[in-house]
Amino acid sequence: MKNNATGALVYSTDGGRMCPGCRLALAQCACKAKTAPAGDGAVRVSLQTKGRGGKSVTLVKGLALDAVALAVLGKQLRSACGAGGTVKDGVLEIQGDHCALVIEALARHGHGAKRAGG
């Protein structure tokens, strides 16, 4: 087993995820160290129907935003499309086929989005 440079505990069954800065559980973090949001910089918009009873859902992946900013952007996109949706694991889900409208809205917000998946 390798030791990292700081020797910090990453996960504990007692408290869950641990902060690398203060070594407390993230809920009780004293330093409020911000982790870099996941995302490779390429925003991909795709349409998915698998496992949804034939209903289509527009997915937006690859946004490098924190959870709060992602929720705010999701609210703006859902209201622009006039549809419902949610944010799950850093992926925006918007009910219905709104790929073109979402790409335009993301361009207005400064995110270069690409259509993925045909």
N, C-alpha and C. Protein backbone atom coordinates (compact mmCIF):
# COMPACT_ATOMS: atom_id res chain seq x y z
N MET A 1 0.84 -1.18 0.00
CA MET A 1 0.00 0.00 0.00
C MET A 1 0.88 1.24 0.00
N LYS A 2 0.59 2.14 -0.93
CA LYS A 2 1.38 3.36 -1.04
C LYS A 2 0.88 4.42 -0.08
N ASN A 3 1.79 5.18 0.45
CA ASN A 3 1.44 6.34 1.26
C ASN A 3 1.57 7.57 0.38
N ASN A 4 0.58 8.46 0.44
CA ASN A 4 0.72 9.68 -0.32
C ASN A 4 1.58 10.66 0.47
N ALA A 5 1.86 11.79 -0.11
CA ALA A 5 2.79 12.74 0.49
C ALA A 5 2.30 13.25 1.85
N THR A 6 1.00 13.46 1.98
CA THR A 6 0.50 13.99 3.25
C THR A 6 0.08 12.90 4.21
N GLY A 7 -0.14 11.69 3.71
CA GLY A 7 -0.58 10.61 4.56
C GLY A 7 -1.99 10.81 5.08
N ALA A 8 -2.80 11.56 4.33
CA ALA A 8 -4.14 11.92 4.78
C ALA A 8 -5.11 10.77 4.62
N LEU A 9 -6.01 10.67 5.55
CA LEU A 9 -7.09 9.71 5.49
C LEU A 9 -8.13 10.23 4.50
N VAL A 10 -8.58 9.39 3.57
CA VAL A 10 -9.50 9.82 2.54
C VAL A 10 -10.93 9.45 2.90
N TYR A 11 -11.16 8.28 3.46
CA TYR A 11 -12.50 7.83 3.78
C TYR A 11 -12.48 7.10 5.10
N SER A 12 -13.49 7.32 5.90
CA SER A 12 -13.63 6.63 7.16
C SER A 12 -15.05 6.09 7.24
N THR A 13 -15.21 4.85 7.69
CA THR A 13 -16.55 4.29 7.81
C THR A 13 -17.35 5.00 8.89
N ASP A 14 -16.67 5.68 9.78
CA ASP A 14 -17.35 6.39 10.85
C ASP A 14 -17.96 7.70 10.36
N GLY A 15 -17.21 8.47 9.56
CA GLY A 15 -17.69 9.80 9.18
C GLY A 15 -17.85 10.02 7.69
N GLY A 16 -17.50 9.06 6.86
CA GLY A 16 -17.61 9.23 5.41
C GLY A 16 -16.36 9.90 4.84
N ARG A 17 -16.53 10.75 3.84
CA ARG A 17 -15.41 11.43 3.19
C ARG A 17 -14.71 12.36 4.16
N MET A 18 -13.38 12.39 4.06
CA MET A 18 -12.56 13.21 4.94
C MET A 18 -11.92 14.34 4.16
N CYS A 19 -11.81 15.49 4.79
CA CYS A 19 -11.16 16.65 4.18
C CYS A 19 -9.64 16.45 4.23
N PRO A 20 -8.93 16.63 3.10
CA PRO A 20 -7.48 16.46 3.13
C PRO A 20 -6.76 17.57 3.88
N GLY A 21 -7.39 18.73 4.03
CA GLY A 21 -6.74 19.85 4.71
C GLY A 21 -6.76 19.74 6.21
N CYS A 22 -7.93 19.58 6.80
CA CYS A 22 -8.05 19.57 8.26
C CYS A 22 -8.25 18.17 8.82
N ARG A 23 -8.42 17.18 7.96
CA ARG A 23 -8.59 15.77 8.34
C ARG A 23 -9.81 15.51 9.22
N LEU A 24 -10.86 16.29 8.98
CA LEU A 24 -12.13 16.06 9.63
C LEU A 24 -13.11 15.58 8.57
N ALA A 25 -14.26 15.07 9.00
CA ALA A 25 -15.30 14.68 8.05
C ALA A 25 -15.74 15.93 7.29
N LEU A 26 -16.14 15.77 6.02
CA LEU A 26 -16.51 16.93 5.21
C LEU A 26 -17.64 17.74 5.82
N ALA A 27 -18.54 17.09 6.54
CA ALA A 27 -19.64 17.81 7.18
C ALA A 27 -19.13 18.75 8.28
N GLN A 28 -18.05 18.38 8.95
CA GLN A 28 -17.49 19.20 10.02
C GLN A 28 -16.19 19.89 9.61
N CYS A 29 -15.94 20.02 8.33
CA CYS A 29 -14.69 20.58 7.83
C CYS A 29 -14.47 21.99 8.36
N ALA A 30 -13.29 22.22 8.95
CA ALA A 30 -12.97 23.52 9.51
C ALA A 30 -12.35 24.45 8.46
N CYS A 31 -11.65 23.89 7.51
CA CYS A 31 -10.95 24.73 6.54
C CYS A 31 -11.77 24.98 5.29
N LYS A 32 -12.84 24.21 5.09
CA LYS A 32 -13.72 24.34 3.92
C LYS A 32 -12.92 24.31 2.62
N ALA A 33 -11.99 23.37 2.55
CA ALA A 33 -11.18 23.21 1.35
C ALA A 33 -12.08 22.83 0.19
N LYS A 34 -11.93 23.52 -0.89
CA LYS A 34 -12.75 23.26 -2.07
C LYS A 34 -12.05 22.23 -2.95
N THR A 35 -12.78 21.22 -3.33
CA THR A 35 -12.24 20.24 -4.25
C THR A 35 -12.55 20.71 -5.66
N ALA A 36 -11.69 20.37 -6.59
CA ALA A 36 -11.89 20.77 -7.98
C ALA A 36 -13.09 20.01 -8.54
N PRO A 37 -14.01 20.71 -9.19
CA PRO A 37 -15.16 20.01 -9.75
C PRO A 37 -14.74 19.09 -10.88
N ALA A 38 -15.46 17.98 -11.00
CA ALA A 38 -15.15 17.01 -12.04
C ALA A 38 -15.61 17.56 -13.37
N GLY A 39 -14.81 17.38 -14.38
CA GLY A 39 -15.16 17.83 -15.71
C GLY A 39 -13.89 17.98 -16.53
N ASP A 40 -13.96 17.60 -17.80
CA ASP A 40 -12.78 17.70 -18.64
C ASP A 40 -12.80 18.94 -19.52
N GLY A 41 -13.78 19.81 -19.34
CA GLY A 41 -13.85 21.03 -20.11
C GLY A 41 -14.69 20.91 -21.36
N ALA A 42 -14.92 19.71 -21.84
CA ALA A 42 -15.75 19.50 -23.02
C ALA A 42 -17.16 19.15 -22.55
N VAL A 43 -18.10 20.05 -22.80
CA VAL A 43 -19.48 19.83 -22.39
C VAL A 43 -20.18 19.06 -23.51
N ARG A 44 -20.79 17.94 -23.16
CA ARG A 44 -21.46 17.09 -24.14
C ARG A 44 -22.95 17.00 -23.83
N VAL A 45 -23.76 17.22 -24.85
CA VAL A 45 -25.21 17.15 -24.72
C VAL A 45 -25.67 15.95 -25.53
N SER A 46 -26.40 15.04 -24.89
CA SER A 46 -26.85 13.83 -25.58
C SER A 46 -28.29 13.53 -25.20
N LEU A 47 -28.89 12.63 -25.97
CA LEU A 47 -30.26 12.20 -25.74
C LEU A 47 -30.25 10.74 -25.34
N GLN A 48 -31.00 10.38 -24.30
CA GLN A 48 -31.02 9.01 -23.83
C GLN A 48 -32.47 8.57 -23.62
N THR A 49 -32.76 7.33 -24.02
CA THR A 49 -34.08 6.75 -23.78
C THR A 49 -34.00 5.41 -23.08
N LYS A 50 -32.82 4.85 -22.96
CA LYS A 50 -32.67 3.52 -22.35
C LYS A 50 -33.06 3.54 -20.88
N GLY A 51 -33.83 2.54 -20.47
CA GLY A 51 -34.19 2.38 -19.07
C GLY A 51 -35.16 3.42 -18.55
N ARG A 52 -35.83 4.14 -19.45
CA ARG A 52 -36.73 5.20 -19.02
C ARG A 52 -38.14 5.00 -19.55
N GLY A 53 -38.47 3.78 -19.91
CA GLY A 53 -39.81 3.47 -20.38
C GLY A 53 -40.16 4.14 -21.69
N GLY A 54 -39.17 4.35 -22.56
CA GLY A 54 -39.40 4.98 -23.85
C GLY A 54 -39.39 6.49 -23.82
N LYS A 55 -39.32 7.09 -22.65
CA LYS A 55 -39.29 8.54 -22.53
C LYS A 55 -37.86 9.04 -22.80
N SER A 56 -37.74 10.16 -23.46
CA SER A 56 -36.42 10.70 -23.77
C SER A 56 -36.00 11.72 -22.72
N VAL A 57 -34.69 11.77 -22.47
CA VAL A 57 -34.10 12.69 -21.51
C VAL A 57 -32.85 13.28 -22.14
N THR A 58 -32.69 14.60 -22.06
CA THR A 58 -31.50 15.27 -22.54
C THR A 58 -30.49 15.30 -21.40
N LEU A 59 -29.28 14.80 -21.65
CA LEU A 59 -28.23 14.75 -20.65
C LEU A 59 -27.14 15.76 -20.97
N VAL A 60 -26.66 16.49 -19.98
CA VAL A 60 -25.56 17.43 -20.13
C VAL A 60 -24.44 16.95 -19.21
N LYS A 61 -23.32 16.53 -19.82
CA LYS A 61 -22.19 15.98 -19.06
C LYS A 61 -20.95 16.84 -19.29
N GLY A 62 -20.05 16.81 -18.32
CA GLY A 62 -18.75 17.45 -18.48
C GLY A 62 -18.67 18.88 -18.02
N LEU A 63 -19.68 19.38 -17.34
CA LEU A 63 -19.62 20.75 -16.84
C LEU A 63 -18.71 20.80 -15.62
N ALA A 64 -17.71 21.66 -15.65
CA ALA A 64 -16.77 21.78 -14.55
C ALA A 64 -17.27 22.85 -13.58
N LEU A 65 -18.36 22.55 -12.90
CA LEU A 65 -18.97 23.47 -11.94
C LEU A 65 -19.15 22.76 -10.61
N ASP A 66 -19.18 23.54 -9.53
CA ASP A 66 -19.47 22.93 -8.24
C ASP A 66 -20.97 22.65 -8.14
N ALA A 67 -21.39 22.01 -7.08
CA ALA A 67 -22.77 21.54 -6.95
C ALA A 67 -23.78 22.68 -6.96
N VAL A 68 -23.46 23.78 -6.31
CA VAL A 68 -24.40 24.90 -6.24
C VAL A 68 -24.56 25.55 -7.61
N ALA A 69 -23.44 25.81 -8.29
CA ALA A 69 -23.50 26.43 -9.62
C ALA A 69 -24.19 25.51 -10.62
N LEU A 70 -23.97 24.21 -10.48
CA LEU A 70 -24.61 23.25 -11.36
C LEU A 70 -26.12 23.24 -11.15
N ALA A 71 -26.56 23.34 -9.91
CA ALA A 71 -28.00 23.38 -9.62
C ALA A 71 -28.63 24.65 -10.18
N VAL A 72 -27.94 25.78 -10.08
CA VAL A 72 -28.46 27.04 -10.61
C VAL A 72 -28.54 26.99 -12.13
N LEU A 73 -27.50 26.47 -12.78
CA LEU A 73 -27.51 26.34 -14.23
C LEU A 73 -28.60 25.37 -14.67
N GLY A 74 -28.78 24.29 -13.94
CA GLY A 74 -29.84 23.33 -14.24
C GLY A 74 -31.21 23.98 -14.17
N LYS A 75 -31.44 24.81 -13.18
CA LYS A 75 -32.72 25.52 -13.05
C LYS A 75 -32.95 26.44 -14.23
N GLN A 76 -31.89 27.15 -14.65
CA GLN A 76 -32.02 28.06 -15.79
C GLN A 76 -32.30 27.29 -17.08
N LEU A 77 -31.64 26.16 -17.27
CA LEU A 77 -31.86 25.36 -18.49
C LEU A 77 -33.26 24.75 -18.50
N ARG A 78 -33.71 24.26 -17.35
CA ARG A 78 -35.05 23.67 -17.29
C ARG A 78 -36.12 24.73 -17.57
N SER A 79 -35.94 25.93 -17.05
CA SER A 79 -36.94 26.97 -17.31
C SER A 79 -36.87 27.44 -18.76
N ALA A 80 -35.68 27.44 -19.37
CA ALA A 80 -35.56 27.81 -20.79
C ALA A 80 -36.26 26.77 -21.68
N CYS A 81 -36.20 25.51 -21.27
CA CYS A 81 -36.82 24.44 -22.06
C CYS A 81 -38.29 24.25 -21.70
N GLY A 82 -38.71 24.75 -20.57
CA GLY A 82 -40.08 24.53 -20.12
C GLY A 82 -40.32 23.08 -19.74
N ALA A 83 -39.34 22.47 -19.12
CA ALA A 83 -39.42 21.05 -18.77
C ALA A 83 -38.87 20.84 -17.37
N GLY A 84 -39.11 19.66 -16.86
CA GLY A 84 -38.58 19.27 -15.56
C GLY A 84 -37.23 18.62 -15.72
N GLY A 85 -36.63 18.26 -14.61
CA GLY A 85 -35.35 17.60 -14.66
C GLY A 85 -34.70 17.57 -13.31
N THR A 86 -33.43 17.14 -13.29
CA THR A 86 -32.70 17.02 -12.04
C THR A 86 -31.20 17.06 -12.31
N VAL A 87 -30.43 17.07 -11.24
CA VAL A 87 -28.98 16.95 -11.30
C VAL A 87 -28.60 15.70 -10.53
N LYS A 88 -27.95 14.74 -11.20
CA LYS A 88 -27.52 13.50 -10.56
C LYS A 88 -26.05 13.26 -10.87
N ASP A 89 -25.24 13.16 -9.85
CA ASP A 89 -23.82 12.84 -9.98
C ASP A 89 -23.11 13.75 -10.98
N GLY A 90 -23.39 15.04 -10.94
CA GLY A 90 -22.74 15.99 -11.83
C GLY A 90 -23.26 16.00 -13.25
N VAL A 91 -24.37 15.31 -13.51
CA VAL A 91 -24.97 15.26 -14.84
C VAL A 91 -26.35 15.92 -14.77
N LEU A 92 -26.57 16.89 -15.65
CA LEU A 92 -27.88 17.53 -15.72
C LEU A 92 -28.80 16.67 -16.57
N GLU A 93 -29.99 16.39 -16.07
CA GLU A 93 -31.00 15.64 -16.82
C GLU A 93 -32.19 16.54 -17.01
N ILE A 94 -32.59 16.73 -18.28
CA ILE A 94 -33.74 17.55 -18.62
C ILE A 94 -34.72 16.67 -19.38
N GLN A 95 -35.95 16.62 -18.92
CA GLN A 95 -36.95 15.74 -19.52
C GLN A 95 -37.31 16.21 -20.92
N GLY A 96 -37.29 15.28 -21.87
CA GLY A 96 -37.66 15.58 -23.24
C GLY A 96 -36.45 15.76 -24.14
N ASP A 97 -36.73 15.92 -25.44
CA ASP A 97 -35.68 16.11 -26.44
C ASP A 97 -35.49 17.61 -26.66
N HIS A 98 -34.51 18.17 -25.94
CA HIS A 98 -34.23 19.61 -26.01
C HIS A 98 -32.76 19.87 -26.31
N CYS A 99 -32.11 18.99 -27.08
CA CYS A 99 -30.67 19.11 -27.30
C CYS A 99 -30.29 20.44 -27.94
N ALA A 100 -30.97 20.82 -29.02
CA ALA A 100 -30.62 22.06 -29.72
C ALA A 100 -30.82 23.28 -28.83
N LEU A 101 -31.92 23.31 -28.09
CA LEU A 101 -32.21 24.43 -27.21
C LEU A 101 -31.19 24.51 -26.07
N VAL A 102 -30.79 23.36 -25.53
CA VAL A 102 -29.81 23.34 -24.44
C VAL A 102 -28.45 23.81 -24.93
N ILE A 103 -28.05 23.39 -26.13
CA ILE A 103 -26.75 23.82 -26.68
C ILE A 103 -26.73 25.33 -26.87
N GLU A 104 -27.82 25.91 -27.37
CA GLU A 104 -27.91 27.36 -27.52
C GLU A 104 -27.85 28.08 -26.18
N ALA A 105 -28.56 27.55 -25.20
CA ALA A 105 -28.57 28.17 -23.87
C ALA A 105 -27.20 28.08 -23.21
N LEU A 106 -26.52 26.96 -23.38
CA LEU A 106 -25.18 26.83 -22.81
C LEU A 106 -24.21 27.79 -23.48
N ALA A 107 -24.37 28.01 -24.79
CA ALA A 107 -23.50 28.96 -25.49
C ALA A 107 -23.72 30.38 -24.95
N ARG A 108 -24.97 30.73 -24.63
CA ARG A 108 -25.24 32.04 -24.05
C ARG A 108 -24.61 32.20 -22.67
N HIS A 109 -24.47 31.09 -21.95
CA HIS A 109 -23.85 31.13 -20.62
C HIS A 109 -22.33 30.97 -20.67
N GLY A 110 -21.77 30.85 -21.87
CA GLY A 110 -20.31 30.80 -22.01
C GLY A 110 -19.71 29.40 -21.98
N HIS A 111 -20.51 28.37 -22.13
CA HIS A 111 -20.01 27.00 -22.17
C HIS A 111 -20.06 26.50 -23.60
N GLY A 112 -18.93 26.07 -24.12
CA GLY A 112 -18.91 25.51 -25.47
C GLY A 112 -19.40 24.07 -25.44
N ALA A 113 -20.61 23.83 -25.91
CA ALA A 113 -21.21 22.51 -25.84
C ALA A 113 -21.22 21.84 -27.21
N LYS A 114 -21.09 20.53 -27.21
CA LYS A 114 -21.13 19.73 -28.43
C LYS A 114 -22.24 18.70 -28.31
N ARG A 115 -22.82 18.34 -29.43
CA ARG A 115 -23.81 17.27 -29.46
C ARG A 115 -23.07 15.95 -29.48
N ALA A 116 -23.46 15.03 -28.64
CA ALA A 116 -22.82 13.73 -28.55
C ALA A 116 -23.85 12.63 -28.81
N GLY A 117 -23.43 11.57 -29.44
CA GLY A 117 -24.27 10.40 -29.60
C GLY A 117 -25.23 10.43 -30.77
N GLY A 118 -24.87 11.10 -31.83
CA GLY A 118 -25.69 11.02 -33.05
C GLY A 118 -26.77 11.91 -33.12
